[in-house]
């Protein structure tokens, strides 16, 4: 299991479009991918679960990956979140 904290910098937070991008990215990996935001712990491979966290801009979240490709999954996800998930 590996984890890392990152701050969401998308102006509108994790709304539908960046959340969808994050879900599709997580689904490329065999590892389980979870995200903790405040008191919520959600499955990143589920769009409904991810949206239920209601992550706003400036929120620090922690991604937790466990499985055979956990390191690659975590690095790819953190890099993508830091880059804005395809949004400006």
Protein backbone atom coordinates (compact mmCIF):
# COMPACT_ATOMS: atom_id res chain seq x y z
CA UNK A 1 0.00 0.00 0.00
CA UNK A 2 1.25 3.47 -0.94
CA UNK A 3 -0.30 6.87 -0.35
CA UNK A 4 0.30 10.51 -1.02
CA UNK A 5 -1.45 13.79 -0.23
CA UNK A 6 -2.12 16.37 -2.92
CA UNK A 7 -4.10 19.62 -3.10
CA UNK A 8 -6.85 19.88 -5.71
CA UNK A 9 -6.28 23.13 -7.62
CA UNK A 10 -9.07 22.92 -10.20
CA UNK A 11 -11.03 26.18 -10.01
CA UNK A 12 -14.33 24.29 -9.69
CA UNK A 13 -12.98 21.36 -7.68
CA UNK A 14 -13.63 17.77 -8.73
CA UNK A 15 -16.82 18.33 -10.72
CA UNK A 16 -18.04 15.88 -13.37
CA UNK A 17 -15.43 16.40 -16.12
CA UNK A 18 -12.22 16.18 -14.04
CA UNK A 19 -13.77 13.46 -11.87
CA UNK A 20 -14.51 11.45 -15.02
CA UNK A 21 -10.92 11.92 -16.16
CA UNK A 22 -9.68 10.71 -12.77
CA UNK A 23 -11.99 7.66 -12.80
CA UNK A 24 -10.84 6.66 -16.30
CA UNK A 25 -7.22 7.04 -15.26
CA UNK A 26 -7.70 4.92 -12.12
CA UNK A 27 -9.48 2.20 -14.11
CA UNK A 28 -6.31 1.67 -16.20
CA UNK A 29 -4.68 0.07 -13.16
CA UNK A 30 -5.36 -3.25 -11.45
CA UNK A 31 -4.70 -1.77 -8.00
CA UNK A 32 -7.45 -0.60 -5.70
CA UNK A 33 -7.48 3.22 -5.65
CA UNK A 34 -9.08 5.11 -2.76
CA UNK A 35 -9.22 8.79 -1.93
CA UNK A 36 -9.69 10.36 1.47
CA UNK A 37 -11.08 13.89 1.63
CA UNK A 38 -11.85 15.03 5.15
CA UNK A 39 -13.99 12.31 6.74
CA UNK A 40 -14.91 10.73 3.39
CA UNK A 41 -13.11 7.68 2.01
CA UNK A 42 -14.17 6.95 -1.56
CA UNK A 43 -13.43 4.54 -4.40
CA UNK A 44 -11.74 6.51 -7.20
CA UNK A 45 -12.91 3.98 -9.81
CA UNK A 46 -16.55 4.97 -9.16
CA UNK A 47 -17.74 8.32 -10.54
CA UNK A 48 -20.66 8.49 -8.10
CA UNK A 49 -18.42 7.70 -5.14
CA UNK A 50 -15.88 10.30 -6.24
CA UNK A 51 -18.48 13.02 -6.81
CA UNK A 52 -20.04 12.29 -3.39
CA UNK A 53 -16.84 13.57 -1.75
CA UNK A 54 -17.70 17.09 -3.06
CA UNK A 55 -14.04 18.12 -3.28
CA UNK A 56 -13.59 21.88 -3.63
CA UNK A 57 -10.63 23.84 -4.97
CA UNK A 58 -7.85 24.01 -2.38
CA UNK A 59 -8.88 20.78 -0.62
CA UNK A 60 -6.07 18.45 0.39
CA UNK A 61 -6.90 14.84 -0.46
CA UNK A 62 -4.97 11.62 0.06
CA UNK A 63 -4.79 8.92 -2.59
CA UNK A 64 -4.20 5.37 -1.36
CA UNK A 65 -3.30 2.63 -3.83
CA UNK A 66 -2.83 -1.04 -3.09
CA UNK A 67 -2.13 -3.83 -5.53
CA UNK A 68 0.40 -5.07 -8.03
CA UNK A 69 0.82 -1.75 -9.88
CA UNK A 70 0.26 0.56 -6.89
CA UNK A 71 3.36 2.71 -7.38
CA UNK A 72 2.63 3.44 -11.03
CA UNK A 73 -1.03 4.13 -10.30
CA UNK A 74 -0.23 6.54 -7.47
CA UNK A 75 2.39 8.42 -9.46
CA UNK A 76 0.14 8.77 -12.52
CA UNK A 77 -2.86 9.92 -10.46
CA UNK A 78 -0.90 12.46 -8.38
CA UNK A 79 0.79 13.87 -11.49
CA UNK A 80 -2.58 14.21 -13.24
CA UNK A 81 -4.26 15.89 -10.26
CA UNK A 82 -1.35 18.32 -9.88
CA UNK A 83 -1.64 19.12 -13.61
CA UNK A 84 -5.36 19.92 -13.25
CA UNK A 85 -6.85 16.78 -14.82
CA UNK A 86 -7.00 18.38 -18.26
CA UNK A 87 -8.50 21.67 -17.11
CA UNK A 88 -6.98 25.11 -16.75
